Amino acid sequence: MSRLRWSEENTIYIPEVDAEHRSLYLLAADLKRALANGAGAEEIDGKVRALLAEVEDHFTHEERLMRAAKYAMIDWHKGLHDTLRKRATLYAGRIHAGDRKAGRELIDFASRWLEDHMAVADKMMGAALRNHRRSRAA
């Protein structure tokens, strides 16, 4: 399983988005710990639902910020979000049905996806949003 640890490398310098990213890391790490410690199905299911709700809130927020800034790459970026949404929904269904292996698979997939997404797509978005905010302030 991945390490799921926030680091300053993940910062995109949009404070509210960085705070949401840190929260996602914490929720995913909490799920990972629960799986490793043999938590019951109800607890695992609850942690998965909490994580996916936070992911959806975060994606919705980012997409709203991108629309407001008229970010040129919004369709590509949202497509990446949609990939995680679809895959996570499939894993969540398996987890809800009692498949503990699906929980570990979700963590592995989501942590790799998040690392890649933040390193490229979110860095690009962050730069565009900061530029948009600067131009509005000028």
N, C-alpha and C. Protein backbone atom coordinates (compact mmCIF):
# COMPACT_ATOMS: atom_id res chain seq x y z
N MET A 1 0.83 -1.20 0.00
CA MET A 1 0.00 0.00 0.00
C MET A 1 0.86 1.25 0.00
N SER A 2 0.34 2.31 -0.50
CA SER A 2 1.05 3.58 -0.57
C SER A 2 1.14 4.22 0.81
N ARG A 3 2.00 5.22 0.90
CA ARG A 3 2.26 5.85 2.19
C ARG A 3 1.19 6.83 2.63
N LEU A 4 0.54 7.50 1.71
CA LEU A 4 -0.52 8.46 2.01
C LEU A 4 -0.10 9.47 3.07
N ARG A 5 0.93 10.21 2.76
CA ARG A 5 1.41 11.23 3.69
C ARG A 5 1.52 12.55 2.94
N TRP A 6 0.88 13.58 3.46
CA TRP A 6 0.95 14.91 2.88
C TRP A 6 2.37 15.43 3.00
N SER A 7 2.83 16.13 1.98
CA SER A 7 4.11 16.83 2.08
C SER A 7 3.97 18.18 1.38
N GLU A 8 4.89 19.06 1.65
CA GLU A 8 4.85 20.40 1.04
C GLU A 8 4.97 20.32 -0.48
N GLU A 9 5.50 19.24 -1.02
CA GLU A 9 5.55 19.06 -2.48
C GLU A 9 4.15 19.09 -3.09
N ASN A 10 3.16 18.76 -2.29
CA ASN A 10 1.78 18.70 -2.78
C ASN A 10 1.11 20.06 -2.85
N THR A 11 1.73 21.08 -2.29
CA THR A 11 1.12 22.40 -2.22
C THR A 11 0.95 22.99 -3.61
N ILE A 12 -0.25 23.55 -3.85
CA ILE A 12 -0.49 24.26 -5.12
C ILE A 12 -0.67 25.76 -4.88
N TYR A 13 -0.56 26.17 -3.61
CA TYR A 13 -0.59 27.58 -3.22
C TYR A 13 -1.95 28.25 -3.45
N ILE A 14 -2.98 27.45 -3.34
CA ILE A 14 -4.36 27.95 -3.23
C ILE A 14 -4.80 27.42 -1.86
N PRO A 15 -4.76 28.27 -0.83
CA PRO A 15 -4.91 27.77 0.55
C PRO A 15 -6.12 26.87 0.79
N GLU A 16 -7.29 27.23 0.27
CA GLU A 16 -8.47 26.41 0.54
C GLU A 16 -8.37 25.05 -0.16
N VAL A 17 -7.76 25.00 -1.32
CA VAL A 17 -7.58 23.73 -2.03
C VAL A 17 -6.52 22.89 -1.33
N ASP A 18 -5.44 23.53 -0.89
CA ASP A 18 -4.41 22.79 -0.15
C ASP A 18 -4.99 22.17 1.13
N ALA A 19 -5.85 22.91 1.81
CA ALA A 19 -6.48 22.37 3.03
C ALA A 19 -7.36 21.16 2.69
N GLU A 20 -8.07 21.24 1.59
CA GLU A 20 -8.91 20.10 1.17
C GLU A 20 -8.04 18.90 0.82
N HIS A 21 -6.92 19.14 0.13
CA HIS A 21 -6.02 18.04 -0.21
C HIS A 21 -5.49 17.37 1.05
N ARG A 22 -5.09 18.18 2.04
CA ARG A 22 -4.60 17.60 3.30
C ARG A 22 -5.69 16.75 3.96
N SER A 23 -6.92 17.24 3.93
CA SER A 23 -8.03 16.49 4.51
C SER A 23 -8.24 15.15 3.79
N LEU A 24 -8.12 15.16 2.46
CA LEU A 24 -8.25 13.91 1.71
C LEU A 24 -7.18 12.91 2.11
N TYR A 25 -5.95 13.39 2.27
CA TYR A 25 -4.87 12.51 2.70
C TYR A 25 -5.18 11.91 4.08
N LEU A 26 -5.67 12.74 5.00
CA LEU A 26 -5.98 12.25 6.34
C LEU A 26 -7.09 11.20 6.32
N LEU A 27 -8.13 11.45 5.55
CA LEU A 27 -9.24 10.48 5.47
C LEU A 27 -8.78 9.17 4.83
N ALA A 28 -7.99 9.27 3.79
CA ALA A 28 -7.49 8.05 3.13
C ALA A 28 -6.56 7.28 4.06
N ALA A 29 -5.70 8.00 4.79
CA ALA A 29 -4.80 7.33 5.74
C ALA A 29 -5.59 6.67 6.86
N ASP A 30 -6.68 7.30 7.28
CA ASP A 30 -7.53 6.72 8.31
C ASP A 30 -8.18 5.43 7.81
N LEU A 31 -8.64 5.43 6.57
CA LEU A 31 -9.20 4.21 5.98
C LEU A 31 -8.13 3.13 5.88
N LYS A 32 -6.96 3.51 5.44
CA LYS A 32 -5.85 2.55 5.31
C LYS A 32 -5.54 1.91 6.67
N ARG A 33 -5.49 2.73 7.73
CA ARG A 33 -5.23 2.19 9.08
C ARG A 33 -6.34 1.24 9.51
N ALA A 34 -7.57 1.62 9.26
CA ALA A 34 -8.70 0.77 9.65
C ALA A 34 -8.63 -0.58 8.95
N LEU A 35 -8.29 -0.56 7.67
CA LEU A 35 -8.14 -1.82 6.93
C LEU A 35 -7.01 -2.66 7.51
N ALA A 36 -5.88 -2.02 7.80
CA ALA A 36 -4.72 -2.74 8.33
C ALA A 36 -4.99 -3.31 9.72
N ASN A 37 -5.83 -2.63 10.49
CA ASN A 37 -6.12 -3.07 11.86
C ASN A 37 -7.31 -4.01 11.95
N GLY A 38 -7.87 -4.40 10.80
CA GLY A 38 -8.96 -5.37 10.80
C GLY A 38 -10.30 -4.83 11.28
N ALA A 39 -10.55 -3.56 11.04
CA ALA A 39 -11.83 -2.96 11.46
C ALA A 39 -13.00 -3.71 10.81
N GLY A 40 -14.15 -3.61 11.45
CA GLY A 40 -15.35 -4.27 10.95
C GLY A 40 -15.87 -3.65 9.67
N ALA A 41 -16.73 -4.39 8.99
CA ALA A 41 -17.27 -3.97 7.70
C ALA A 41 -18.03 -2.65 7.80
N GLU A 42 -18.79 -2.47 8.88
CA GLU A 42 -19.56 -1.23 9.03
C GLU A 42 -18.64 -0.02 9.18
N GLU A 43 -17.57 -0.17 9.94
CA GLU A 43 -16.62 0.93 10.12
C GLU A 43 -15.92 1.25 8.80
N ILE A 44 -15.49 0.21 8.09
CA ILE A 44 -14.81 0.41 6.80
C ILE A 44 -15.76 1.10 5.82
N ASP A 45 -16.97 0.61 5.75
CA ASP A 45 -17.96 1.19 4.84
C ASP A 45 -18.18 2.67 5.16
N GLY A 46 -18.27 3.00 6.43
CA GLY A 46 -18.46 4.39 6.84
C GLY A 46 -17.29 5.27 6.46
N LYS A 47 -16.09 4.75 6.62
CA LYS A 47 -14.89 5.52 6.26
C LYS A 47 -14.80 5.72 4.74
N VAL A 48 -15.19 4.71 4.00
CA VAL A 48 -15.20 4.84 2.53
C VAL A 48 -16.22 5.89 2.13
N ARG A 49 -17.42 5.84 2.71
CA ARG A 49 -18.44 6.83 2.37
C ARG A 49 -17.99 8.24 2.72
N ALA A 50 -17.33 8.41 3.87
CA ALA A 50 -16.84 9.73 4.27
C ALA A 50 -15.76 10.22 3.31
N LEU A 51 -14.86 9.34 2.93
CA LEU A 51 -13.80 9.72 1.99
C LEU A 51 -14.38 10.12 0.64
N LEU A 52 -15.30 9.32 0.12
CA LEU A 52 -15.86 9.62 -1.19
C LEU A 52 -16.71 10.89 -1.17
N ALA A 53 -17.38 11.16 -0.07
CA ALA A 53 -18.14 12.41 0.04
C ALA A 53 -17.19 13.61 0.04
N GLU A 54 -16.09 13.48 0.74
CA GLU A 54 -15.08 14.56 0.77
C GLU A 54 -14.45 14.75 -0.60
N VAL A 55 -14.17 13.65 -1.29
CA VAL A 55 -13.63 13.73 -2.65
C VAL A 55 -14.61 14.48 -3.55
N GLU A 56 -15.89 14.14 -3.48
CA GLU A 56 -16.88 14.79 -4.32
C GLU A 56 -16.99 16.28 -4.01
N ASP A 57 -17.02 16.62 -2.73
CA ASP A 57 -17.06 18.04 -2.35
C ASP A 57 -15.84 18.78 -2.89
N HIS A 58 -14.69 18.17 -2.76
CA HIS A 58 -13.44 18.79 -3.23
C HIS A 58 -13.46 18.97 -4.75
N PHE A 59 -13.83 17.92 -5.48
CA PHE A 59 -13.86 18.03 -6.94
C PHE A 59 -14.85 19.10 -7.39
N THR A 60 -16.00 19.13 -6.75
CA THR A 60 -17.01 20.14 -7.09
C THR A 60 -16.45 21.54 -6.86
N HIS A 61 -15.74 21.71 -5.76
CA HIS A 61 -15.14 23.01 -5.45
C HIS A 61 -14.09 23.39 -6.49
N GLU A 62 -13.19 22.47 -6.80
CA GLU A 62 -12.17 22.76 -7.81
C GLU A 62 -12.81 23.10 -9.16
N GLU A 63 -13.80 22.35 -9.54
CA GLU A 63 -14.46 22.59 -10.83
C GLU A 63 -15.16 23.94 -10.85
N ARG A 64 -15.72 24.34 -9.73
CA ARG A 64 -16.35 25.66 -9.63
C ARG A 64 -15.29 26.76 -9.77
N LEU A 65 -14.15 26.59 -9.11
CA LEU A 65 -13.06 27.56 -9.22
C LEU A 65 -12.54 27.65 -10.65
N MET A 66 -12.42 26.51 -11.31
CA MET A 66 -11.92 26.51 -12.69
C MET A 66 -12.90 27.20 -13.62
N ARG A 67 -14.20 26.94 -13.44
CA ARG A 67 -15.20 27.62 -14.28
C ARG A 67 -15.16 29.13 -14.07
N ALA A 68 -15.06 29.56 -12.82
CA ALA A 68 -15.04 30.99 -12.51
C ALA A 68 -13.83 31.67 -13.13
N ALA A 69 -12.71 30.95 -13.19
CA ALA A 69 -11.47 31.51 -13.76
C ALA A 69 -11.39 31.30 -15.27
N LYS A 70 -12.40 30.65 -15.84
CA LYS A 70 -12.39 30.30 -17.27
C LYS A 70 -11.10 29.55 -17.65
N TYR A 71 -10.78 28.58 -16.81
CA TYR A 71 -9.58 27.77 -16.99
C TYR A 71 -9.68 26.96 -18.29
N ALA A 72 -8.72 27.13 -19.15
CA ALA A 72 -8.76 26.52 -20.48
C ALA A 72 -8.74 24.99 -20.45
N MET A 73 -8.16 24.41 -19.42
CA MET A 73 -8.01 22.95 -19.35
C MET A 73 -9.08 22.29 -18.47
N ILE A 74 -10.18 22.97 -18.23
CA ILE A 74 -11.20 22.43 -17.31
C ILE A 74 -11.75 21.09 -17.79
N ASP A 75 -12.01 20.92 -19.06
CA ASP A 75 -12.59 19.66 -19.53
C ASP A 75 -11.64 18.49 -19.28
N TRP A 76 -10.37 18.71 -19.55
CA TRP A 76 -9.36 17.66 -19.30
C TRP A 76 -9.28 17.37 -17.81
N HIS A 77 -9.21 18.42 -17.00
CA HIS A 77 -9.07 18.26 -15.56
C HIS A 77 -10.30 17.54 -14.98
N LYS A 78 -11.50 17.98 -15.40
CA LYS A 78 -12.72 17.34 -14.92
C LYS A 78 -12.78 15.88 -15.37
N GLY A 79 -12.28 15.59 -16.56
CA GLY A 79 -12.22 14.20 -17.03
C GLY A 79 -11.38 13.33 -16.11
N LEU A 80 -10.29 13.89 -15.60
CA LEU A 80 -9.47 13.16 -14.63
C LEU A 80 -10.25 12.91 -13.35
N HIS A 81 -10.96 13.93 -12.90
CA HIS A 81 -11.82 13.76 -11.72
C HIS A 81 -12.86 12.66 -11.96
N ASP A 82 -13.46 12.68 -13.14
CA ASP A 82 -14.49 11.69 -13.46
C ASP A 82 -13.94 10.27 -13.45
N THR A 83 -12.69 10.11 -13.85
CA THR A 83 -12.06 8.79 -13.79
C THR A 83 -12.02 8.27 -12.36
N LEU A 84 -11.58 9.12 -11.44
CA LEU A 84 -11.55 8.69 -10.05
C LEU A 84 -12.96 8.46 -9.51
N ARG A 85 -13.88 9.34 -9.86
CA ARG A 85 -15.27 9.16 -9.40
C ARG A 85 -15.80 7.78 -9.80
N LYS A 86 -15.61 7.42 -11.06
CA LYS A 86 -16.13 6.13 -11.56
C LYS A 86 -15.46 4.95 -10.90
N ARG A 87 -14.13 4.98 -10.84
CA ARG A 87 -13.41 3.86 -10.23
C ARG A 87 -13.73 3.73 -8.75
N ALA A 88 -13.78 4.85 -8.04
CA ALA A 88 -14.07 4.81 -6.61
C ALA A 88 -15.46 4.27 -6.35
N THR A 89 -16.41 4.61 -7.19
CA THR A 89 -17.78 4.10 -7.04
C THR A 89 -17.80 2.58 -7.20
N LEU A 90 -17.04 2.07 -8.15
CA LEU A 90 -16.96 0.61 -8.32
C LEU A 90 -16.35 -0.06 -7.09
N TYR A 91 -15.25 0.50 -6.60
CA TYR A 91 -14.62 -0.06 -5.40
C TYR A 91 -15.58 0.02 -4.21
N ALA A 92 -16.27 1.15 -4.06
CA ALA A 92 -17.19 1.33 -2.93
C ALA A 92 -18.29 0.27 -2.94
N GLY A 93 -18.79 -0.05 -4.12
CA GLY A 93 -19.81 -1.09 -4.21
C GLY A 93 -19.29 -2.44 -3.74
N ARG A 94 -18.08 -2.75 -4.13
CA ARG A 94 -17.47 -4.02 -3.69
C ARG A 94 -17.22 -4.01 -2.18
N ILE A 95 -16.77 -2.87 -1.67
CA ILE A 95 -16.50 -2.76 -0.23
C ILE A 95 -17.81 -2.93 0.54
N HIS A 96 -18.85 -2.25 0.09
CA HIS A 96 -20.16 -2.34 0.75
C HIS A 96 -20.66 -3.79 0.76
N ALA A 97 -20.31 -4.54 -0.27
CA ALA A 97 -20.72 -5.96 -0.35
C ALA A 97 -19.83 -6.85 0.52
N GLY A 98 -18.83 -6.24 1.20
CA GLY A 98 -18.00 -7.02 2.12
C GLY A 98 -16.65 -7.44 1.58
N ASP A 99 -16.25 -6.97 0.42
CA ASP A 99 -14.97 -7.34 -0.18
C ASP A 99 -13.85 -6.48 0.41
N ARG A 100 -13.13 -7.02 1.41
CA ARG A 100 -12.07 -6.26 2.08
C ARG A 100 -10.90 -5.98 1.14
N LYS A 101 -10.67 -6.86 0.20
CA LYS A 101 -9.59 -6.64 -0.76
C LYS A 101 -9.84 -5.36 -1.57
N ALA A 102 -11.10 -5.07 -1.84
CA ALA A 102 -11.45 -3.87 -2.60
C ALA A 102 -11.05 -2.60 -1.86
N GLY A 103 -11.07 -2.62 -0.55
CA GLY A 103 -10.64 -1.46 0.24
C GLY A 103 -9.17 -1.16 0.02
N ARG A 104 -8.36 -2.20 0.05
CA ARG A 104 -6.92 -2.01 -0.21
C ARG A 104 -6.68 -1.58 -1.64
N GLU A 105 -7.45 -2.14 -2.57
CA GLU A 105 -7.32 -1.74 -3.97
C GLU A 105 -7.71 -0.28 -4.17
N LEU A 106 -8.76 0.15 -3.48
CA LEU A 106 -9.18 1.55 -3.56
C LEU A 106 -8.06 2.46 -3.06
N ILE A 107 -7.49 2.13 -1.91
CA ILE A 107 -6.42 2.95 -1.35
C ILE A 107 -5.23 3.00 -2.31
N ASP A 108 -4.84 1.86 -2.85
CA ASP A 108 -3.70 1.82 -3.78
C ASP A 108 -3.98 2.66 -5.02
N PHE A 109 -5.15 2.47 -5.62
CA PHE A 109 -5.50 3.22 -6.82
C PHE A 109 -5.58 4.71 -6.53
N ALA A 110 -6.33 5.07 -5.48
CA ALA A 110 -6.56 6.48 -5.17
C ALA A 110 -5.27 7.19 -4.78
N SER A 111 -4.40 6.52 -4.06
CA SER A 111 -3.15 7.19 -3.65
C SER A 111 -2.24 7.44 -4.85
N ARG A 112 -2.17 6.47 -5.76
CA ARG A 112 -1.36 6.69 -6.98
C ARG A 112 -2.00 7.77 -7.84
N TRP A 113 -3.32 7.72 -7.99
CA TRP A 113 -4.03 8.71 -8.79
C TRP A 113 -3.82 10.10 -8.20
N LEU A 114 -3.99 10.22 -6.89
CA LEU A 114 -3.87 11.52 -6.23
C LEU A 114 -2.47 12.09 -6.39
N GLU A 115 -1.47 11.26 -6.20
CA GLU A 115 -0.09 11.71 -6.35
C GLU A 115 0.17 12.23 -7.76
N ASP A 116 -0.23 11.46 -8.76
CA ASP A 116 -0.03 11.89 -10.15
C ASP A 116 -0.85 13.13 -10.48
N HIS A 117 -2.11 13.15 -10.04
CA HIS A 117 -3.01 14.26 -10.35
C HIS A 117 -2.49 15.56 -9.74
N MET A 118 -2.06 15.50 -8.50
CA MET A 118 -1.59 16.71 -7.84
C MET A 118 -0.28 17.19 -8.42
N ALA A 119 0.57 16.27 -8.86
CA ALA A 119 1.87 16.65 -9.40
C ALA A 119 1.77 17.37 -10.73
N VAL A 120 0.72 17.09 -11.50
CA VAL A 120 0.61 17.70 -12.83
C VAL A 120 -0.65 18.56 -12.92
N ALA A 121 -1.80 17.94 -12.92
CA ALA A 121 -3.05 18.66 -13.18
C ALA A 121 -3.33 19.75 -12.15
N ASP A 122 -3.15 19.42 -10.86
CA ASP A 122 -3.44 20.43 -9.85
C ASP A 122 -2.40 21.54 -9.82
N LYS A 123 -1.14 21.21 -10.11
CA LYS A 123 -0.11 22.27 -10.19
C LYS A 123 -0.45 23.24 -11.33
N MET A 124 -0.87 22.70 -12.47
CA MET A 124 -1.26 23.56 -13.59
C MET A 124 -2.48 24.42 -13.23
N MET A 125 -3.47 23.78 -12.63
CA MET A 125 -4.67 24.51 -12.23
C MET A 125 -4.33 25.59 -11.21
N GLY A 126 -3.51 25.24 -10.23
CA GLY A 126 -3.13 26.21 -9.20
C GLY A 126 -2.47 27.44 -9.80
N ALA A 127 -1.57 27.25 -10.74
CA ALA A 127 -0.91 28.38 -11.39
C ALA A 127 -1.93 29.25 -12.11
N ALA A 128 -2.84 28.63 -12.82
CA ALA A 128 -3.86 29.39 -13.55
C ALA A 128 -4.78 30.15 -12.59
N LEU A 129 -5.18 29.52 -11.50
CA LEU A 129 -6.06 30.18 -10.54
C LEU A 129 -5.35 31.34 -9.85
N ARG A 130 -4.08 31.16 -9.51
CA ARG A 130 -3.32 32.25 -8.89
C ARG A 130 -3.20 33.43 -9.86
N ASN A 131 -2.93 33.14 -11.13
CA ASN A 131 -2.84 34.21 -12.12
C ASN A 131 -4.18 34.92 -12.28
N HIS A 132 -5.26 34.16 -12.29
CA HIS A 132 -6.59 34.74 -12.39
C HIS A 132 -6.86 35.66 -11.20
N ARG A 133 -6.52 35.20 -10.00
CA ARG A 133 -6.75 36.02 -8.80
C ARG A 133 -5.90 37.30 -8.84
N ARG A 134 -4.67 37.18 -9.31
CA ARG A 134 -3.80 38.37 -9.42
C ARG A 134 -4.39 39.37 -10.42
N SER A 135 -4.88 38.89 -11.54
CA SER A 135 -5.41 39.80 -12.55
C SER A 135 -6.69 40.49 -12.05
N ARG A 136 -7.47 39.81 -11.26
CA ARG A 136 -8.67 40.42 -10.71
C ARG A 136 -8.33 41.44 -9.63
N ALA A 137 -7.23 41.20 -8.91
CA ALA A 137 -6.83 42.12 -7.85
C ALA A 137 -6.18 43.39 -8.41
N ALA A 138 -5.67 43.30 -9.62
CA ALA A 138 -4.95 44.45 -10.22
C ALA A 138 -5.86 45.55 -10.69
